[in-house]
PDB file of N, CA and C in Angstrom:
ATOM      1  N   MET A   1       0.843  -1.193   0.000  1.00  0.00           N
ATOM      2  CA  MET A   1       0.000   0.000   0.000  1.00  0.00           C
ATOM      3  C   MET A   1       0.880   1.246   0.000  1.00  0.00           C
ATOM      4  N   MET A   2       0.553   2.189  -0.874  1.00  0.00           N
ATOM      5  CA  MET A   2       1.342   3.416  -0.974  1.00  0.00           C
ATOM      6  C   MET A   2       1.006   4.366   0.171  1.00  0.00           C
ATOM      7  N   ASN A   3       2.007   5.128   0.560  1.00  0.00           N
ATOM      8  CA  ASN A   3       1.814   6.128   1.592  1.00  0.00           C
ATOM      9  C   ASN A   3       1.491   7.463   0.924  1.00  0.00           C
ATOM     10  N   VAL A   4       0.249   7.914   1.036  1.00  0.00           N
ATOM     11  CA  VAL A   4      -0.202   9.137   0.389  1.00  0.00           C
ATOM     12  C   VAL A   4      -0.373  10.214   1.446  1.00  0.00           C
ATOM     13  N   LYS A   5       0.196  11.392   1.195  1.00  0.00           N
ATOM     14  CA  LYS A   5       0.050  12.508   2.124  1.00  0.00           C
ATOM     15  C   LYS A   5      -1.365  13.063   2.006  1.00  0.00           C
ATOM     16  N   LEU A   6      -2.043  13.182   3.137  1.00  0.00           N
ATOM     17  CA  LEU A   6      -3.401  13.714   3.182  1.00  0.00           C
ATOM     18  C   LEU A   6      -3.420  14.998   3.998  1.00  0.00           C
ATOM     19  N   TYR A   7      -4.189  15.961   3.536  1.00  0.00           N
ATOM     20  CA  TYR A   7      -4.296  17.259   4.205  1.00  0.00           C
ATOM     21  C   TYR A   7      -5.711  17.483   4.702  1.00  0.00           C
ATOM     22  N   THR A   8      -5.833  18.148   5.829  1.00  0.00           N
ATOM     23  CA  THR A   8      -7.148  18.541   6.342  1.00  0.00           C
ATOM     24  C   THR A   8      -7.603  19.803   5.605  1.00  0.00           C
ATOM     25  N   ILE A   9      -8.874  20.121   5.757  1.00  0.00           N
ATOM     26  CA  ILE A   9      -9.388  21.358   5.168  1.00  0.00           C
ATOM     27  C   ILE A   9      -8.649  22.555   5.747  1.00  0.00           C
ATOM     28  N   SER A  10      -8.357  22.534   7.028  1.00  0.00           N
ATOM     29  CA  SER A  10      -7.633  23.646   7.661  1.00  0.00           C
ATOM     30  C   SER A  10      -6.239  23.813   7.074  1.00  0.00           C
ATOM     31  N   GLU A  11      -5.550  22.698   6.861  1.00  0.00           N
ATOM     32  CA  GLU A  11      -4.208  22.768   6.292  1.00  0.00           C
ATOM     33  C   GLU A  11      -4.238  23.331   4.872  1.00  0.00           C
ATOM     34  N   VAL A  12      -5.209  22.881   4.087  1.00  0.00           N
ATOM     35  CA  VAL A  12      -5.333  23.374   2.717  1.00  0.00           C
ATOM     36  C   VAL A  12      -5.695  24.858   2.720  1.00  0.00           C
ATOM     37  N   ALA A  13      -6.559  25.266   3.630  1.00  0.00           N
ATOM     38  CA  ALA A  13      -6.935  26.674   3.724  1.00  0.00           C
ATOM     39  C   ALA A  13      -5.709  27.545   4.009  1.00  0.00           C
ATOM     40  N   LYS A  14      -4.852  27.092   4.916  1.00  0.00           N
ATOM     41  CA  LYS A  14      -3.635  27.850   5.223  1.00  0.00           C
ATOM     42  C   LYS A  14      -2.732  27.948   4.003  1.00  0.00           C
ATOM     43  N   ILE A  15      -2.562  26.820   3.303  1.00  0.00           N
ATOM     44  CA  ILE A  15      -1.685  26.803   2.133  1.00  0.00           C
ATOM     45  C   ILE A  15      -2.222  27.724   1.039  1.00  0.00           C
ATOM     46  N   LEU A  16      -3.542  27.701   0.834  1.00  0.00           N
ATOM     47  CA  LEU A  16      -4.153  28.518  -0.216  1.00  0.00           C
ATOM     48  C   LEU A  16      -4.447  29.944   0.222  1.00  0.00           C
ATOM     49  N   ARG A  17      -4.278  30.197   1.515  1.00  0.00           N
ATOM     50  CA  ARG A  17      -4.542  31.521   2.103  1.00  0.00           C
ATOM     51  C   ARG A  17      -5.987  31.961   1.896  1.00  0.00           C
ATOM     52  N   VAL A  18      -6.879  31.027   2.192  1.00  0.00           N
ATOM     53  CA  VAL A  18      -8.317  31.296   2.178  1.00  0.00           C
ATOM     54  C   VAL A  18      -8.901  30.738   3.466  1.00  0.00           C
ATOM     55  N   SER A  19     -10.172  30.986   3.688  1.00  0.00           N
ATOM     56  CA  SER A  19     -10.813  30.481   4.909  1.00  0.00           C
ATOM     57  C   SER A  19     -11.146  28.999   4.776  1.00  0.00           C
ATOM     58  N   ARG A  20     -11.342  28.357   5.913  1.00  0.00           N
ATOM     59  CA  ARG A  20     -11.772  26.954   5.927  1.00  0.00           C
ATOM     60  C   ARG A  20     -13.115  26.826   5.213  1.00  0.00           C
ATOM     61  N   GLN A  21     -14.009  27.801   5.427  1.00  0.00           N
ATOM     62  CA  GLN A  21     -15.329  27.761   4.799  1.00  0.00           C
ATOM     63  C   GLN A  21     -15.214  27.804   3.277  1.00  0.00           C
ATOM     64  N   THR A  22     -14.280  28.594   2.763  1.00  0.00           N
ATOM     65  CA  THR A  22     -14.074  28.667   1.311  1.00  0.00           C
ATOM     66  C   THR A  22     -13.651  27.308   0.770  1.00  0.00           C
ATOM     67  N   VAL A  23     -12.695  26.668   1.438  1.00  0.00           N
ATOM     68  CA  VAL A  23     -12.251  25.339   0.994  1.00  0.00           C
ATOM     69  C   VAL A  23     -13.417  24.366   1.066  1.00  0.00           C
ATOM     70  N   TYR A  24     -14.167  24.409   2.143  1.00  0.00           N
ATOM     71  CA  TYR A  24     -15.317  23.515   2.288  1.00  0.00           C
ATOM     72  C   TYR A  24     -16.340  23.754   1.171  1.00  0.00           C
ATOM     73  N   ASN A  25     -16.573  25.010   0.840  1.00  0.00           N
ATOM     74  CA  ASN A  25     -17.508  25.327  -0.246  1.00  0.00           C
ATOM     75  C   ASN A  25     -17.005  24.765  -1.578  1.00  0.00           C
ATOM     76  N   TRP A  26     -15.702  24.869  -1.823  1.00  0.00           N
ATOM     77  CA  TRP A  26     -15.121  24.326  -3.050  1.00  0.00           C
ATOM     78  C   TRP A  26     -15.262  22.805  -3.085  1.00  0.00           C
ATOM     79  N   VAL A  27     -15.118  22.174  -1.914  1.00  0.00           N
ATOM     80  CA  VAL A  27     -15.300  20.725  -1.837  1.00  0.00           C
ATOM     81  C   VAL A  27     -16.751  20.375  -2.172  1.00  0.00           C
ATOM     82  N   LYS A  28     -17.701  21.081  -1.547  1.00  0.00           N
ATOM     83  CA  LYS A  28     -19.120  20.814  -1.770  1.00  0.00           C
ATOM     84  C   LYS A  28     -19.521  21.037  -3.221  1.00  0.00           C
ATOM     85  N   SER A  29     -18.906  22.011  -3.882  1.00  0.00           N
ATOM     86  CA  SER A  29     -19.265  22.318  -5.269  1.00  0.00           C
ATOM     87  C   SER A  29     -18.524  21.427  -6.271  1.00  0.00           C
ATOM     88  N   GLY A  30     -17.605  20.603  -5.769  1.00  0.00           N
ATOM     89  CA  GLY A  30     -16.892  19.688  -6.651  1.00  0.00           C
ATOM     90  C   GLY A  30     -15.618  20.245  -7.249  1.00  0.00           C
ATOM     91  N   LYS A  31     -15.233  21.455  -6.875  1.00  0.00           N
ATOM     92  CA  LYS A  31     -13.991  22.047  -7.398  1.00  0.00           C
ATOM     93  C   LYS A  31     -12.754  21.350  -6.842  1.00  0.00           C
ATOM     94  N   ILE A  32     -12.899  20.791  -5.646  1.00  0.00           N
ATOM     95  CA  ILE A  32     -11.805  20.059  -5.010  1.00  0.00           C
ATOM     96  C   ILE A  32     -12.295  18.650  -4.716  1.00  0.00           C
ATOM     97  N   ARG A  33     -11.535  17.661  -5.163  1.00  0.00           N
ATOM     98  CA  ARG A  33     -11.867  16.259  -4.904  1.00  0.00           C
ATOM     99  C   ARG A  33     -11.264  15.849  -3.562  1.00  0.00           C
ATOM    100  N   VAL A  34     -12.009  15.048  -2.818  1.00  0.00           N
ATOM    101  CA  VAL A  34     -11.563  14.637  -1.486  1.00  0.00           C
ATOM    102  C   VAL A  34     -11.607  13.122  -1.341  1.00  0.00           C
ATOM    103  N   VAL A  35     -10.955  12.660  -0.292  1.00  0.00           N
ATOM    104  CA  VAL A  35     -10.999  11.266   0.124  1.00  0.00           C
ATOM    105  C   VAL A  35     -11.778  11.233   1.431  1.00  0.00           C
ATOM    106  N   ARG A  36     -12.772  10.386   1.505  1.00  0.00           N
ATOM    107  CA  ARG A  36     -13.543  10.268   2.747  1.00  0.00           C
ATOM    108  C   ARG A  36     -12.987   9.100   3.549  1.00  0.00           C
ATOM    109  N   LEU A  37     -12.606   9.374   4.789  1.00  0.00           N
ATOM    110  CA  LEU A  37     -12.051   8.350   5.670  1.00  0.00           C
ATOM    111  C   LEU A  37     -13.180   7.532   6.290  1.00  0.00           C
ATOM    112  N   PRO A  38     -12.864   6.341   6.791  1.00  0.00           N
ATOM    113  CA  PRO A  38     -13.905   5.495   7.408  1.00  0.00           C
ATOM    114  C   PRO A  38     -14.665   6.190   8.544  1.00  0.00           C
ATOM    115  N   ASN A  39     -14.018   7.131   9.230  1.00  0.00           N
ATOM    116  CA  ASN A  39     -14.679   7.834  10.332  1.00  0.00           C
ATOM    117  C   ASN A  39     -15.549   8.995   9.848  1.00  0.00           C
ATOM    118  N   GLY A  40     -15.604   9.201   8.507  1.00  0.00           N
ATOM    119  CA  GLY A  40     -16.447  10.256   7.953  1.00  0.00           C
ATOM    120  C   GLY A  40     -15.714  11.550   7.663  1.00  0.00           C
ATOM    121  N   PHE A  41     -14.519  11.709   8.198  1.00  0.00           N
ATOM    122  CA  PHE A  41     -13.747  12.917   7.925  1.00  0.00           C
ATOM    123  C   PHE A  41     -13.302  12.933   6.479  1.00  0.00           C
ATOM    124  N   ILE A  42     -13.069  14.130   5.955  1.00  0.00           N
ATOM    125  CA  ILE A  42     -12.569  14.228   4.590  1.00  0.00           C
ATOM    126  C   ILE A  42     -11.150  14.758   4.600  1.00  0.00           C
ATOM    127  N   ARG A  43     -10.385  14.309   3.626  1.00  0.00           N
ATOM    128  CA  ARG A  43      -8.994  14.747   3.464  1.00  0.00           C
ATOM    129  C   ARG A  43      -8.749  15.032   1.996  1.00  0.00           C
ATOM    130  N   ILE A  44      -7.753  15.858   1.743  1.00  0.00           N
ATOM    131  CA  ILE A  44      -7.369  16.222   0.390  1.00  0.00           C
ATOM    132  C   ILE A  44      -5.976  15.667   0.144  1.00  0.00           C
ATOM    133  N   THR A  45      -5.819  14.929  -0.955  1.00  0.00           N
ATOM    134  CA  THR A  45      -4.528  14.303  -1.240  1.00  0.00           C
ATOM    135  C   THR A  45      -3.513  15.335  -1.706  1.00  0.00           C
ATOM    136  N   GLU A  46      -2.248  14.964  -1.593  1.00  0.00           N
ATOM    137  CA  GLU A  46      -1.171  15.839  -2.051  1.00  0.00           C
ATOM    138  C   GLU A  46      -1.294  16.107  -3.549  1.00  0.00           C
ATOM    139  N   ASP A  47      -1.648  15.088  -4.319  1.00  0.00           N
ATOM    140  CA  ASP A  47      -1.825  15.272  -5.766  1.00  0.00           C
ATOM    141  C   ASP A  47      -2.945  16.264  -6.072  1.00  0.00           C
ATOM    142  N   GLU A  48      -4.038  16.192  -5.321  1.00  0.00           N
ATOM    143  CA  GLU A  48      -5.146  17.124  -5.526  1.00  0.00           C
ATOM    144  C   GLU A  48      -4.728  18.529  -5.134  1.00  0.00           C
ATOM    145  N   LEU A  49      -3.970  18.660  -4.054  1.00  0.00           N
ATOM    146  CA  LEU A  49      -3.479  19.974  -3.638  1.00  0.00           C
ATOM    147  C   LEU A  49      -2.590  20.572  -4.727  1.00  0.00           C
ATOM    148  N   LYS A  50      -1.713  19.760  -5.293  1.00  0.00           N
ATOM    149  CA  LYS A  50      -0.859  20.243  -6.387  1.00  0.00           C
ATOM    150  C   LYS A  50      -1.707  20.678  -7.576  1.00  0.00           C
ATOM    151  N   ARG A  51      -2.764  19.921  -7.870  1.00  0.00           N
ATOM    152  CA  ARG A  51      -3.645  20.275  -8.991  1.00  0.00           C
ATOM    153  C   ARG A  51      -4.312  21.622  -8.767  1.00  0.00           C
ATOM    154  N   ILE A  52      -4.829  21.833  -7.558  1.00  0.00           N
ATOM    155  CA  ILE A  52      -5.541  23.090  -7.313  1.00  0.00           C
ATOM    156  C   ILE A  52      -4.581  24.271  -7.152  1.00  0.00           C
ATOM    157  N   LEU A  53      -3.341  24.010  -6.790  1.00  0.00           N
ATOM    158  CA  LEU A  53      -2.360  25.095  -6.727  1.00  0.00           C
ATOM    159  C   LEU A  53      -2.036  25.620  -8.123  1.00  0.00           C
ATOM    160  N   ASN A  54      -2.252  24.790  -9.135  1.00  0.00           N
ATOM    161  CA  ASN A  54      -1.950  25.183 -10.509  1.00  0.00           C
ATOM    162  C   ASN A  54      -3.138  25.782 -11.243  1.00  0.00           C
ATOM    163  N   MET A  55      -4.241  26.002 -10.529  1.00  0.00           N
ATOM    164  CA  MET A  55      -5.401  26.631 -11.150  1.00  0.00           C
ATOM    165  C   MET A  55      -5.945  27.703 -10.226  1.00  0.00           C
ATOM    166  N   ASP A  56      -6.695  28.624 -10.777  1.00  0.00           N
ATOM    167  CA  ASP A  56      -7.258  29.709  -9.982  1.00  0.00           C
ATOM    168  C   ASP A  56      -8.719  29.402  -9.704  1.00  0.00           C
ATOM    169  N   LEU A  57      -8.992  28.894  -8.510  1.00  0.00           N
ATOM    170  CA  LEU A  57     -10.356  28.506  -8.146  1.00  0.00           C
ATOM    171  C   LEU A  57     -11.274  29.703  -7.980  1.00  0.00           C
ATOM    172  N   SER A  58     -10.706  30.884  -7.798  1.00  0.00           N
ATOM    173  CA  SER A  58     -11.532  32.060  -7.541  1.00  0.00           C
ATOM    174  C   SER A  58     -12.051  32.710  -8.815  1.00  0.00           C
ATOM    175  N   ASP A  59     -11.634  32.237  -9.996  1.00  0.00           N
ATOM    176  CA  ASP A  59     -12.064  32.845 -11.260  1.00  0.00           C
ATOM    177  C   ASP A  59     -13.567  33.059 -11.324  1.00  0.00           C
ATOM    178  N   GLU A  60     -14.326  32.017 -11.031  1.00  0.00           N
ATOM    179  CA  GLU A  60     -15.778  32.106 -11.157  1.00  0.00           C
ATOM    180  C   GLU A  60     -16.385  33.036 -10.129  1.00  0.00           C
ATOM    181  N   GLU A  61     -15.771  33.133  -8.973  1.00  0.00           N
ATOM    182  CA  GLU A  61     -16.334  33.960  -7.903  1.00  0.00           C
ATOM    183  C   GLU A  61     -16.044  35.444  -8.116  1.00  0.00           C
ATOM    184  N   SER A  62     -15.035  35.770  -8.921  1.00  0.00           N
ATOM    185  CA  SER A  62     -14.640  37.161  -9.073  1.00  0.00           C
ATOM    186  C   SER A  62     -15.172  37.782 -10.356  1.00  0.00           C
ATOM    187  N   GLU A  63     -16.153  37.119 -11.007  1.00  0.00           N
ATOM    188  CA  GLU A  63     -16.725  37.684 -12.226  1.00  0.00           C
ATOM    189  C   GLU A  63     -17.437  38.980 -11.889  1.00  0.00           C
ATOM    190  N   GLN A  64     -17.232  39.977 -12.767  1.00  0.00           N
ATOM    191  CA  GLN A  64     -17.846  41.283 -12.497  1.00  0.00           C
ATOM    192  C   GLN A  64     -18.734  41.699 -13.638  1.00  0.00           C
TER     193      GLN A  64
END
């Protein structure tokens, strides 16, 4: 079994410099893919974090 680095919503929020609620909203809307643990908690993989670091998730929210 491979060892995959998993991040909490709080950790991802700090890295992206946004609020936890913003990350949670992106998860709920499908912009960020998550892994659901057996205890029900959600985590974001390192690969997914790298993917979202290379895109601007705020594009749709900043339309004027």
